[in-house]
């Protein structure tokens, strides 16, 4: 694990978040839409696309995994958590 406990993990996440926001804020729209970035898996490039396309890729990946979570939890009688925003189940409380 890259951190020793949840508190350290939370601090690392906050640091990366601040850095990511600063990076995005430093770009003009043309750079954001045209700069190529690499998606690394195990330190090796898997995909090279524009930064804007990568952001859409991440959004759709999050949506996909939330759908998977719903598919596994509901049939087992569980309730879906509010992962990002509310879920149908969180509104039923």
C-alpha atoms as a PDB file:
ATOM      1  CA  UNK A   1       0.000   0.000   0.000  1.00  0.00           C
ATOM      2  CA  UNK A   2       1.393   3.446  -0.858  1.00  0.00           C
ATOM      3  CA  UNK A   3       0.396   4.893   2.523  1.00  0.00           C
ATOM      4  CA  UNK A   4       0.380   3.594   6.101  1.00  0.00           C
ATOM      5  CA  UNK A   5      -3.198   4.464   7.143  1.00  0.00           C
ATOM      6  CA  UNK A   6      -6.371   6.186   5.966  1.00  0.00           C
ATOM      7  CA  UNK A   7      -5.306   9.555   7.381  1.00  0.00           C
ATOM      8  CA  UNK A   8      -2.084   9.535   5.370  1.00  0.00           C
ATOM      9  CA  UNK A   9      -4.031   8.337   2.314  1.00  0.00           C
ATOM     10  CA  UNK A  10      -6.452  11.218   2.744  1.00  0.00           C
ATOM     11  CA  UNK A  11      -3.586  13.713   2.976  1.00  0.00           C
ATOM     12  CA  UNK A  12      -1.976  12.314  -0.173  1.00  0.00           C
ATOM     13  CA  UNK A  13      -5.278  12.495  -2.026  1.00  0.00           C
ATOM     14  CA  UNK A  14      -5.695  16.132  -0.959  1.00  0.00           C
ATOM     15  CA  UNK A  15      -2.163  16.976  -2.164  1.00  0.00           C
ATOM     16  CA  UNK A  16      -2.764  15.334  -5.547  1.00  0.00           C
ATOM     17  CA  UNK A  17      -6.146  17.064  -5.839  1.00  0.00           C
ATOM     18  CA  UNK A  18      -4.627  20.515  -5.184  1.00  0.00           C
ATOM     19  CA  UNK A  19      -1.855  19.796  -7.704  1.00  0.00           C
ATOM     20  CA  UNK A  20      -4.359  18.615 -10.336  1.00  0.00           C
ATOM     21  CA  UNK A  21      -6.553  21.708  -9.922  1.00  0.00           C
ATOM     22  CA  UNK A  22      -3.497  23.992 -10.164  1.00  0.00           C
ATOM     23  CA  UNK A  23      -2.373  22.202 -13.338  1.00  0.00           C
ATOM     24  CA  UNK A  24      -5.800  22.494 -14.961  1.00  0.00           C
ATOM     25  CA  UNK A  25      -6.145  26.135 -13.917  1.00  0.00           C
ATOM     26  CA  UNK A  26      -2.759  26.930 -15.488  1.00  0.00           C
ATOM     27  CA  UNK A  27      -3.893  25.755 -18.934  1.00  0.00           C
ATOM     28  CA  UNK A  28      -5.707  27.849 -21.473  1.00  0.00           C
ATOM     29  CA  UNK A  29      -8.610  26.212 -23.299  1.00  0.00           C
ATOM     30  CA  UNK A  30      -6.597  25.468 -26.435  1.00  0.00           C
ATOM     31  CA  UNK A  31      -3.870  23.697 -24.424  1.00  0.00           C
ATOM     32  CA  UNK A  32      -6.420  21.744 -22.431  1.00  0.00           C
ATOM     33  CA  UNK A  33      -8.115  20.536 -25.616  1.00  0.00           C
ATOM     34  CA  UNK A  34      -4.997  19.782 -27.671  1.00  0.00           C
ATOM     35  CA  UNK A  35      -2.203  18.639 -25.311  1.00  0.00           C
ATOM     36  CA  UNK A  36      -1.556  14.896 -25.491  1.00  0.00           C
ATOM     37  CA  UNK A  37      -1.233  12.966 -22.225  1.00  0.00           C
ATOM     38  CA  UNK A  38      -0.483   9.314 -21.498  1.00  0.00           C
ATOM     39  CA  UNK A  39      -2.424   6.906 -19.335  1.00  0.00           C
ATOM     40  CA  UNK A  40       0.147   4.744 -17.584  1.00  0.00           C
ATOM     41  CA  UNK A  41      -0.563   1.239 -16.319  1.00  0.00           C
ATOM     42  CA  UNK A  42       2.174  -0.355 -14.237  1.00  0.00           C
ATOM     43  CA  UNK A  43       4.431   2.507 -15.344  1.00  0.00           C
ATOM     44  CA  UNK A  44       3.961   1.774 -19.059  1.00  0.00           C
ATOM     45  CA  UNK A  45       1.927   3.843 -21.539  1.00  0.00           C
ATOM     46  CA  UNK A  46      -1.410   2.240 -22.361  1.00  0.00           C
ATOM     47  CA  UNK A  47      -3.098   5.115 -24.163  1.00  0.00           C
ATOM     48  CA  UNK A  48      -2.150   8.554 -25.518  1.00  0.00           C
ATOM     49  CA  UNK A  49      -5.004  11.026 -26.084  1.00  0.00           C
ATOM     50  CA  UNK A  50      -5.709  14.713 -25.523  1.00  0.00           C
ATOM     51  CA  UNK A  51      -6.078  15.948 -21.967  1.00  0.00           C
ATOM     52  CA  UNK A  52      -9.748  16.820 -22.564  1.00  0.00           C
ATOM     53  CA  UNK A  53     -10.429  13.334 -23.952  1.00  0.00           C
ATOM     54  CA  UNK A  54      -8.670  11.795 -20.940  1.00  0.00           C
ATOM     55  CA  UNK A  55     -10.964  13.710 -18.581  1.00  0.00           C
ATOM     56  CA  UNK A  56     -14.008  12.343 -20.455  1.00  0.00           C
ATOM     57  CA  UNK A  57     -12.432   8.868 -20.313  1.00  0.00           C
ATOM     58  CA  UNK A  58     -12.122   9.131 -16.519  1.00  0.00           C
ATOM     59  CA  UNK A  59     -15.695  10.400 -16.133  1.00  0.00           C
ATOM     60  CA  UNK A  60     -17.127   7.548 -18.211  1.00  0.00           C
ATOM     61  CA  UNK A  61     -14.971   5.046 -16.307  1.00  0.00           C
ATOM     62  CA  UNK A  62     -16.382   6.317 -12.993  1.00  0.00           C
ATOM     63  CA  UNK A  63     -19.928   6.025 -14.373  1.00  0.00           C
ATOM     64  CA  UNK A  64     -19.202   2.490 -15.599  1.00  0.00           C
ATOM     65  CA  UNK A  65     -17.865   1.366 -12.223  1.00  0.00           C
ATOM     66  CA  UNK A  66     -20.797   2.910 -10.373  1.00  0.00           C
ATOM     67  CA  UNK A  67     -23.046   0.831 -12.624  1.00  0.00           C
ATOM     68  CA  UNK A  68     -21.067  -2.274 -11.746  1.00  0.00           C
ATOM     69  CA  UNK A  69     -21.411  -1.464  -8.048  1.00  0.00           C
ATOM     70  CA  UNK A  70     -25.190  -1.168  -8.466  1.00  0.00           C
ATOM     71  CA  UNK A  71     -25.331  -4.465 -10.351  1.00  0.00           C
ATOM     72  CA  UNK A  72     -23.594  -6.346  -7.543  1.00  0.00           C
ATOM     73  CA  UNK A  73     -24.998  -4.672  -4.427  1.00  0.00           C
ATOM     74  CA  UNK A  74     -28.746  -4.474  -5.172  1.00  0.00           C
ATOM     75  CA  UNK A  75     -29.287  -8.185  -6.008  1.00  0.00           C
ATOM     76  CA  UNK A  76     -27.633  -9.036  -2.685  1.00  0.00           C
ATOM     77  CA  UNK A  77     -30.131  -6.846  -0.824  1.00  0.00           C
ATOM     78  CA  UNK A  78     -27.695  -4.004  -0.197  1.00  0.00           C
ATOM     79  CA  UNK A  79     -28.182  -0.313  -0.753  1.00  0.00           C
ATOM     80  CA  UNK A  80     -26.003   1.715  -3.084  1.00  0.00           C
ATOM     81  CA  UNK A  81     -24.006   4.434  -1.351  1.00  0.00           C
ATOM     82  CA  UNK A  82     -23.870   8.024  -2.551  1.00  0.00           C
ATOM     83  CA  UNK A  83     -20.523   7.594  -4.308  1.00  0.00           C
ATOM     84  CA  UNK A  84     -20.521  10.971  -6.070  1.00  0.00           C
ATOM     85  CA  UNK A  85     -23.779  12.756  -5.527  1.00  0.00           C
ATOM     86  CA  UNK A  86     -26.882  10.960  -4.351  1.00  0.00           C
ATOM     87  CA  UNK A  87     -28.070   7.497  -5.340  1.00  0.00           C
ATOM     88  CA  UNK A  88     -31.640   6.245  -5.627  1.00  0.00           C
ATOM     89  CA  UNK A  89     -31.134   4.277  -2.436  1.00  0.00           C
ATOM     90  CA  UNK A  90     -29.866   7.272  -0.471  1.00  0.00           C
ATOM     91  CA  UNK A  91     -33.033   9.182  -1.401  1.00  0.00           C
ATOM     92  CA  UNK A  92     -35.243   6.392  -0.001  1.00  0.00           C
ATOM     93  CA  UNK A  93     -34.101   6.882   3.601  1.00  0.00           C
END
